[in-house]
PDB file of all heavy atoms in Angstrom:
ATOM      1  N   ALA A   1       0.823  -1.167   0.019  1.00  0.00           N
ATOM      2  CA  ALA A   1      -0.034  -0.041  -0.006  1.00  0.00           C
ATOM      3  C   ALA A   1       0.896   1.294  -0.018  1.00  0.00           C
ATOM      4  O   ALA A   1       2.104   1.160   0.308  1.00  0.00           O
ATOM      5  CB  ALA A   1      -0.892  -0.029   1.174  1.00  0.00           C
ATOM      6  N   ALA A   2       0.313   2.333  -0.358  1.00  0.00           N
ATOM      7  CA  ALA A   2       0.962   3.607  -0.287  1.00  0.00           C
ATOM      8  C   ALA A   2       0.945   4.222   1.080  1.00  0.00           C
ATOM      9  O   ALA A   2       0.045   4.096   1.850  1.00  0.00           O
ATOM     10  CB  ALA A   2       0.298   4.615  -1.265  1.00  0.00           C
ATOM     11  N   MET A   3       2.163   4.806   1.383  1.00  0.00           N
ATOM     12  CA  MET A   3       2.266   5.486   2.714  1.00  0.00           C
ATOM     13  C   MET A   3       2.114   6.980   2.510  1.00  0.00           C
ATOM     14  O   MET A   3       2.916   7.677   1.818  1.00  0.00           O
ATOM     15  CB  MET A   3       3.711   5.180   3.276  1.00  0.00           C
ATOM     16  CG  MET A   3       3.946   3.808   3.666  1.00  0.00           C
ATOM     17  SD  MET A   3       5.565   3.610   4.432  1.00  0.00           S
ATOM     18  CE  MET A   3       5.536   4.667   5.855  1.00  0.00           C
ATOM     19  N   SER A   4       1.059   7.526   3.049  1.00  0.00           N
ATOM     20  CA  SER A   4       0.735   8.931   2.940  1.00  0.00           C
ATOM     21  C   SER A   4       0.581   9.670   4.212  1.00  0.00           C
ATOM     22  O   SER A   4       0.604  10.879   4.261  1.00  0.00           O
ATOM     23  CB  SER A   4      -0.467   9.126   2.045  1.00  0.00           C
ATOM     24  OG  SER A   4      -1.580   8.429   2.544  1.00  0.00           O
ATOM     25  N   SER A   5       0.441   8.841   5.283  1.00  0.00           N
ATOM     26  CA  SER A   5       0.221   9.530   6.650  1.00  0.00           C
ATOM     27  C   SER A   5       1.558   9.690   7.353  1.00  0.00           C
ATOM     28  O   SER A   5       2.018   8.862   8.202  1.00  0.00           O
ATOM     29  CB  SER A   5      -0.640   8.582   7.491  1.00  0.00           C
ATOM     30  OG  SER A   5      -1.962   8.397   6.912  1.00  0.00           O
ATOM     31  N   PHE A   6       2.284  10.731   6.897  1.00  0.00           N
ATOM     32  CA  PHE A   6       3.577  11.097   7.602  1.00  0.00           C
ATOM     33  C   PHE A   6       3.666  12.673   7.550  1.00  0.00           C
ATOM     34  O   PHE A   6       2.960  13.294   6.755  1.00  0.00           O
ATOM     35  CB  PHE A   6       4.759  10.501   6.836  1.00  0.00           C
ATOM     36  CG  PHE A   6       4.889  10.869   5.441  1.00  0.00           C
ATOM     37  CD1 PHE A   6       5.633  12.030   5.133  1.00  0.00           C
ATOM     38  CD2 PHE A   6       4.273  10.135   4.396  1.00  0.00           C
ATOM     39  CE1 PHE A   6       5.864  12.396   3.798  1.00  0.00           C
ATOM     40  CE2 PHE A   6       4.437  10.587   3.099  1.00  0.00           C
ATOM     41  CZ  PHE A   6       5.284  11.572   2.778  1.00  0.00           C
ATOM     42  N   PRO A   7       4.449  13.195   8.448  1.00  0.00           N
ATOM     43  CA  PRO A   7       4.585  14.636   8.524  1.00  0.00           C
ATOM     44  C   PRO A   7       5.126  15.145   7.152  1.00  0.00           C
ATOM     45  O   PRO A   7       6.112  14.605   6.679  1.00  0.00           O
ATOM     46  CB  PRO A   7       5.582  14.893   9.588  1.00  0.00           C
ATOM     47  CG  PRO A   7       5.516  13.673  10.436  1.00  0.00           C
ATOM     48  CD  PRO A   7       5.209  12.598   9.537  1.00  0.00           C
ATOM     49  N   LYS A   8       4.554  16.155   6.568  1.00  0.00           N
ATOM     50  CA  LYS A   8       4.946  16.622   5.247  1.00  0.00           C
ATOM     51  C   LYS A   8       5.646  17.965   5.165  1.00  0.00           C
ATOM     52  O   LYS A   8       5.680  18.672   4.097  1.00  0.00           O
ATOM     53  CB  LYS A   8       3.698  16.629   4.369  1.00  0.00           C
ATOM     54  CG  LYS A   8       3.096  15.188   4.111  1.00  0.00           C
ATOM     55  CD  LYS A   8       1.950  15.272   3.206  1.00  0.00           C
ATOM     56  CE  LYS A   8       1.400  13.806   2.895  1.00  0.00           C
ATOM     57  NZ  LYS A   8       0.986  13.133   4.033  1.00  0.00           N
ATOM     58  N   GLU A   9       6.131  18.491   6.334  1.00  0.00           N
ATOM     59  CA  GLU A   9       6.809  19.789   6.393  1.00  0.00           C
ATOM     60  C   GLU A   9       8.008  19.821   5.509  1.00  0.00           C
ATOM     61  O   GLU A   9       8.235  20.722   4.710  1.00  0.00           O
ATOM     62  CB  GLU A   9       7.244  20.111   7.913  1.00  0.00           C
ATOM     63  CG  GLU A   9       6.053  20.453   8.790  1.00  0.00           C
ATOM     64  CD  GLU A   9       5.323  19.235   9.300  1.00  0.00           C
ATOM     65  OE1 GLU A   9       5.867  18.084   9.047  1.00  0.00           O
ATOM     66  OE2 GLU A   9       4.282  19.372   9.940  1.00  0.00           O
ATOM     67  N   MET A  10       8.807  18.824   5.509  1.00  0.00           N
ATOM     68  CA  MET A  10      10.035  18.703   4.746  1.00  0.00           C
ATOM     69  C   MET A  10       9.770  18.563   3.267  1.00  0.00           C
ATOM     70  O   MET A  10      10.402  19.201   2.360  1.00  0.00           O
ATOM     71  CB  MET A  10      10.976  17.707   5.292  1.00  0.00           C
ATOM     72  CG  MET A  10      12.358  17.648   4.474  1.00  0.00           C
ATOM     73  SD  MET A  10      13.494  16.403   5.208  1.00  0.00           S
ATOM     74  CE  MET A  10      14.899  16.677   4.141  1.00  0.00           C
ATOM     75  N   THR A  11       8.850  17.730   2.896  1.00  0.00           N
ATOM     76  CA  THR A  11       8.441  17.429   1.573  1.00  0.00           C
ATOM     77  C   THR A  11       7.827  18.667   0.950  1.00  0.00           C
ATOM     78  O   THR A  11       7.977  18.972  -0.269  1.00  0.00           O
ATOM     79  CB  THR A  11       7.515  16.243   1.338  1.00  0.00           C
ATOM     80  OG1 THR A  11       6.388  16.372   2.217  1.00  0.00           O
ATOM     81  CG2 THR A  11       8.246  14.907   1.820  1.00  0.00           C
ATOM     82  N   THR A  12       6.992  19.408   1.731  1.00  0.00           N
ATOM     83  CA  THR A  12       6.345  20.640   1.265  1.00  0.00           C
ATOM     84  C   THR A  12       7.435  21.722   0.899  1.00  0.00           C
ATOM     85  O   THR A  12       7.315  22.404  -0.089  1.00  0.00           O
ATOM     86  CB  THR A  12       5.367  21.143   2.255  1.00  0.00           C
ATOM     87  OG1 THR A  12       4.384  20.250   2.589  1.00  0.00           O
ATOM     88  CG2 THR A  12       4.762  22.416   1.833  1.00  0.00           C
ATOM     89  N   MET A  13       8.467  21.718   1.815  1.00  0.00           N
ATOM     90  CA  MET A  13       9.554  22.643   1.555  1.00  0.00           C
ATOM     91  C   MET A  13      10.321  22.306   0.287  1.00  0.00           C
ATOM     92  O   MET A  13      10.645  23.211  -0.520  1.00  0.00           O
ATOM     93  CB  MET A  13      10.542  22.641   2.689  1.00  0.00           C
ATOM     94  CG  MET A  13      11.729  23.521   2.698  1.00  0.00           C
ATOM     95  SD  MET A  13      13.129  22.856   1.797  1.00  0.00           S
ATOM     96  CE  MET A  13      13.739  21.601   2.926  1.00  0.00           C
ATOM     97  N   LEU A  14      10.544  21.003   0.058  1.00  0.00           N
ATOM     98  CA  LEU A  14      11.247  20.563  -1.161  1.00  0.00           C
ATOM     99  C   LEU A  14      10.343  20.822  -2.432  1.00  0.00           C
ATOM    100  O   LEU A  14      10.874  21.026  -3.524  1.00  0.00           O
ATOM    101  CB  LEU A  14      11.578  19.048  -1.119  1.00  0.00           C
ATOM    102  CG  LEU A  14      12.744  18.695  -0.116  1.00  0.00           C
ATOM    103  CD1 LEU A  14      12.834  17.231   0.019  1.00  0.00           C
ATOM    104  CD2 LEU A  14      14.089  19.301  -0.611  1.00  0.00           C
ATOM    105  N   ALA A  15       9.050  20.795  -2.216  1.00  0.00           N
ATOM    106  CA  ALA A  15       8.149  21.051  -3.431  1.00  0.00           C
ATOM    107  C   ALA A  15       7.904  22.444  -3.628  1.00  0.00           C
ATOM    108  O   ALA A  15       7.191  22.809  -4.649  1.00  0.00           O
ATOM    109  CB  ALA A  15       6.839  20.238  -3.146  1.00  0.00           C
ATOM    110  N   SER A  16       8.449  23.336  -2.863  1.00  0.00           N
ATOM    111  CA  SER A  16       8.189  24.767  -3.024  1.00  0.00           C
ATOM    112  C   SER A  16       9.141  25.471  -3.968  1.00  0.00           C
ATOM    113  O   SER A  16      10.082  24.823  -4.399  1.00  0.00           O
ATOM    114  CB  SER A  16       8.266  25.460  -1.609  1.00  0.00           C
ATOM    115  OG  SER A  16       9.583  25.393  -1.117  1.00  0.00           O
ATOM    116  N   ASN A  17       8.918  26.703  -4.179  1.00  0.00           N
ATOM    117  CA  ASN A  17       9.759  27.504  -5.138  1.00  0.00           C
ATOM    118  C   ASN A  17      10.414  28.605  -4.312  1.00  0.00           C
ATOM    119  O   ASN A  17       9.814  29.410  -3.505  1.00  0.00           O
ATOM    120  CB  ASN A  17       8.923  28.118  -6.270  1.00  0.00           C
ATOM    121  CG  ASN A  17       8.280  27.079  -7.053  1.00  0.00           C
ATOM    122  OD1 ASN A  17       8.818  26.048  -7.403  1.00  0.00           O
ATOM    123  ND2 ASN A  17       6.993  27.291  -7.389  1.00  0.00           N
ATOM    124  N   LEU A  18      11.776  28.667  -4.464  1.00  0.00           N
ATOM    125  CA  LEU A  18      12.458  29.687  -3.759  1.00  0.00           C
ATOM    126  C   LEU A  18      12.160  31.013  -4.268  1.00  0.00           C
ATOM    127  O   LEU A  18      12.385  31.349  -5.518  1.00  0.00           O
ATOM    128  CB  LEU A  18      14.010  29.391  -3.851  1.00  0.00           C
ATOM    129  CG  LEU A  18      14.941  30.258  -2.927  1.00  0.00           C
ATOM    130  CD1 LEU A  18      14.706  29.947  -1.500  1.00  0.00           C
ATOM    131  CD2 LEU A  18      16.415  29.942  -3.304  1.00  0.00           C
ATOM    132  N   GLY A  19      11.664  31.983  -3.423  1.00  0.00           N
ATOM    133  CA  GLY A  19      11.279  33.256  -3.926  1.00  0.00           C
ATOM    134  C   GLY A  19      10.062  33.255  -4.842  1.00  0.00           C
ATOM    135  O   GLY A  19       9.822  34.148  -5.508  1.00  0.00           O
ATOM    136  N   GLY A  20       9.359  32.044  -4.850  1.00  0.00           N
ATOM    137  CA  GLY A  20       8.273  31.951  -5.747  1.00  0.00           C
ATOM    138  C   GLY A  20       8.584  31.766  -7.149  1.00  0.00           C
ATOM    139  O   GLY A  20       7.685  31.679  -8.023  1.00  0.00           O
ATOM    140  N   ILE A  21       9.932  31.500  -7.469  1.00  0.00           N
ATOM    141  CA  ILE A  21      10.314  31.433  -8.817  1.00  0.00           C
ATOM    142  C   ILE A  21      11.062  30.158  -9.148  1.00  0.00           C
ATOM    143  O   ILE A  21      10.743  29.339  -9.903  1.00  0.00           O
ATOM    144  CB  ILE A  21      11.195  32.625  -9.177  1.00  0.00           C
ATOM    145  CG1 ILE A  21      10.367  33.979  -9.101  1.00  0.00           C
ATOM    146  CG2 ILE A  21      11.741  32.463 -10.601  1.00  0.00           C
ATOM    147  CD1 ILE A  21      11.226  35.181  -9.261  1.00  0.00           C
ATOM    148  N   VAL A  22      12.213  29.908  -8.309  1.00  0.00           N
ATOM    149  CA  VAL A  22      13.134  28.830  -8.614  1.00  0.00           C
ATOM    150  C   VAL A  22      12.716  27.629  -7.799  1.00  0.00           C
ATOM    151  O   VAL A  22      12.686  27.696  -6.524  1.00  0.00           O
ATOM    152  CB  VAL A  22      14.541  29.173  -8.321  1.00  0.00           C
ATOM    153  CG1 VAL A  22      15.516  28.089  -8.584  1.00  0.00           C
ATOM    154  CG2 VAL A  22      15.009  30.465  -9.074  1.00  0.00           C
ATOM    155  N   PRO A  23      12.398  26.490  -8.382  1.00  0.00           N
ATOM    156  CA  PRO A  23      12.008  25.263  -7.582  1.00  0.00           C
ATOM    157  C   PRO A  23      13.209  24.766  -6.715  1.00  0.00           C
ATOM    158  O   PRO A  23      14.400  24.725  -7.225  1.00  0.00           O
ATOM    159  CB  PRO A  23      11.704  24.234  -8.688  1.00  0.00           C
ATOM    160  CG  PRO A  23      11.364  25.066  -9.827  1.00  0.00           C
ATOM    161  CD  PRO A  23      12.190  26.233  -9.796  1.00  0.00           C
ATOM    162  N   VAL A  24      12.938  24.445  -5.478  1.00  0.00           N
ATOM    163  CA  VAL A  24      13.957  23.939  -4.575  1.00  0.00           C
ATOM    164  C   VAL A  24      14.545  22.675  -5.136  1.00  0.00           C
ATOM    165  O   VAL A  24      15.814  22.421  -5.013  1.00  0.00           O
ATOM    166  CB  VAL A  24      13.416  23.680  -3.163  1.00  0.00           C
ATOM    167  CG1 VAL A  24      14.397  23.129  -2.257  1.00  0.00           C
ATOM    168  CG2 VAL A  24      12.910  25.035  -2.547  1.00  0.00           C
ATOM    169  N   ARG A  25      13.794  21.799  -5.737  1.00  0.00           N
ATOM    170  CA  ARG A  25      14.225  20.506  -6.258  1.00  0.00           C
ATOM    171  C   ARG A  25      15.230  20.766  -7.376  1.00  0.00           C
ATOM    172  O   ARG A  25      16.181  20.003  -7.689  1.00  0.00           O
ATOM    173  CB  ARG A  25      13.058  19.674  -6.785  1.00  0.00           C
ATOM    174  CG  ARG A  25      12.408  18.945  -5.691  1.00  0.00           C
ATOM    175  CD  ARG A  25      11.171  18.067  -6.200  1.00  0.00           C
ATOM    176  NE  ARG A  25      10.066  18.987  -6.464  1.00  0.00           N
ATOM    177  CZ  ARG A  25       8.815  18.540  -6.751  1.00  0.00           C
ATOM    178  NH1 ARG A  25       8.600  17.282  -6.685  1.00  0.00           N
ATOM    179  NH2 ARG A  25       7.809  19.326  -6.904  1.00  0.00           N
ATOM    180  N   LEU A  26      15.005  21.875  -8.212  1.00  0.00           N
ATOM    181  CA  LEU A  26      15.988  22.194  -9.247  1.00  0.00           C
ATOM    182  C   LEU A  26      17.316  22.595  -8.614  1.00  0.00           C
ATOM    183  O   LEU A  26      18.407  22.267  -9.191  1.00  0.00           O
ATOM    184  CB  LEU A  26      15.433  23.389 -10.087  1.00  0.00           C
ATOM    185  CG  LEU A  26      16.368  23.838 -11.212  1.00  0.00           C
ATOM    186  CD1 LEU A  26      16.671  22.773 -12.255  1.00  0.00           C
ATOM    187  CD2 LEU A  26      15.784  25.184 -11.852  1.00  0.00           C
ATOM    188  N   ILE A  27      17.288  23.277  -7.513  1.00  0.00           N
ATOM    189  CA  ILE A  27      18.540  23.700  -6.874  1.00  0.00           C
ATOM    190  C   ILE A  27      19.300  22.500  -6.430  1.00  0.00           C
ATOM    191  O   ILE A  27      20.553  22.408  -6.525  1.00  0.00           O
ATOM    192  CB  ILE A  27      18.265  24.664  -5.705  1.00  0.00           C
ATOM    193  CG1 ILE A  27      17.623  25.954  -6.197  1.00  0.00           C
ATOM    194  CG2 ILE A  27      19.498  24.896  -4.876  1.00  0.00           C
ATOM    195  CD1 ILE A  27      17.128  26.822  -5.024  1.00  0.00           C
ATOM    196  N   VAL A  28      18.562  21.429  -5.770  1.00  0.00           N
ATOM    197  CA  VAL A  28      19.240  20.247  -5.368  1.00  0.00           C
ATOM    198  C   VAL A  28      19.947  19.522  -6.554  1.00  0.00           C
ATOM    199  O   VAL A  28      21.048  19.018  -6.479  1.00  0.00           O
ATOM    200  CB  VAL A  28      18.206  19.310  -4.745  1.00  0.00           C
ATOM    201  CG1 VAL A  28      18.794  17.892  -4.418  1.00  0.00           C
ATOM    202  CG2 VAL A  28      17.635  19.923  -3.483  1.00  0.00           C
ATOM    203  N   PHE A  29      19.128  19.486  -7.674  1.00  0.00           N
ATOM    204  CA  PHE A  29      19.749  18.821  -8.916  1.00  0.00           C
ATOM    205  C   PHE A  29      20.998  19.616  -9.361  1.00  0.00           C
ATOM    206  O   PHE A  29      21.975  18.936  -9.736  1.00  0.00           O
ATOM    207  CB  PHE A  29      18.694  18.815 -10.019  1.00  0.00           C
ATOM    208  CG  PHE A  29      19.129  18.318 -11.346  1.00  0.00           C
ATOM    209  CD1 PHE A  29      19.320  16.951 -11.556  1.00  0.00           C
ATOM    210  CD2 PHE A  29      19.552  19.166 -12.362  1.00  0.00           C
ATOM    211  CE1 PHE A  29      19.785  16.460 -12.767  1.00  0.00           C
ATOM    212  CE2 PHE A  29      20.116  18.696 -13.547  1.00  0.00           C
ATOM    213  CZ  PHE A  29      20.212  17.392 -13.765  1.00  0.00           C
TER     214      PHE A  29
END
């Protein structure tokens, strides 16, 4: 089964855009 019941503070941060423009995931890459 899929695991979805976990704290999402860190994943939300990774899915966000720095300054509303540059994706955080792009910076990691």
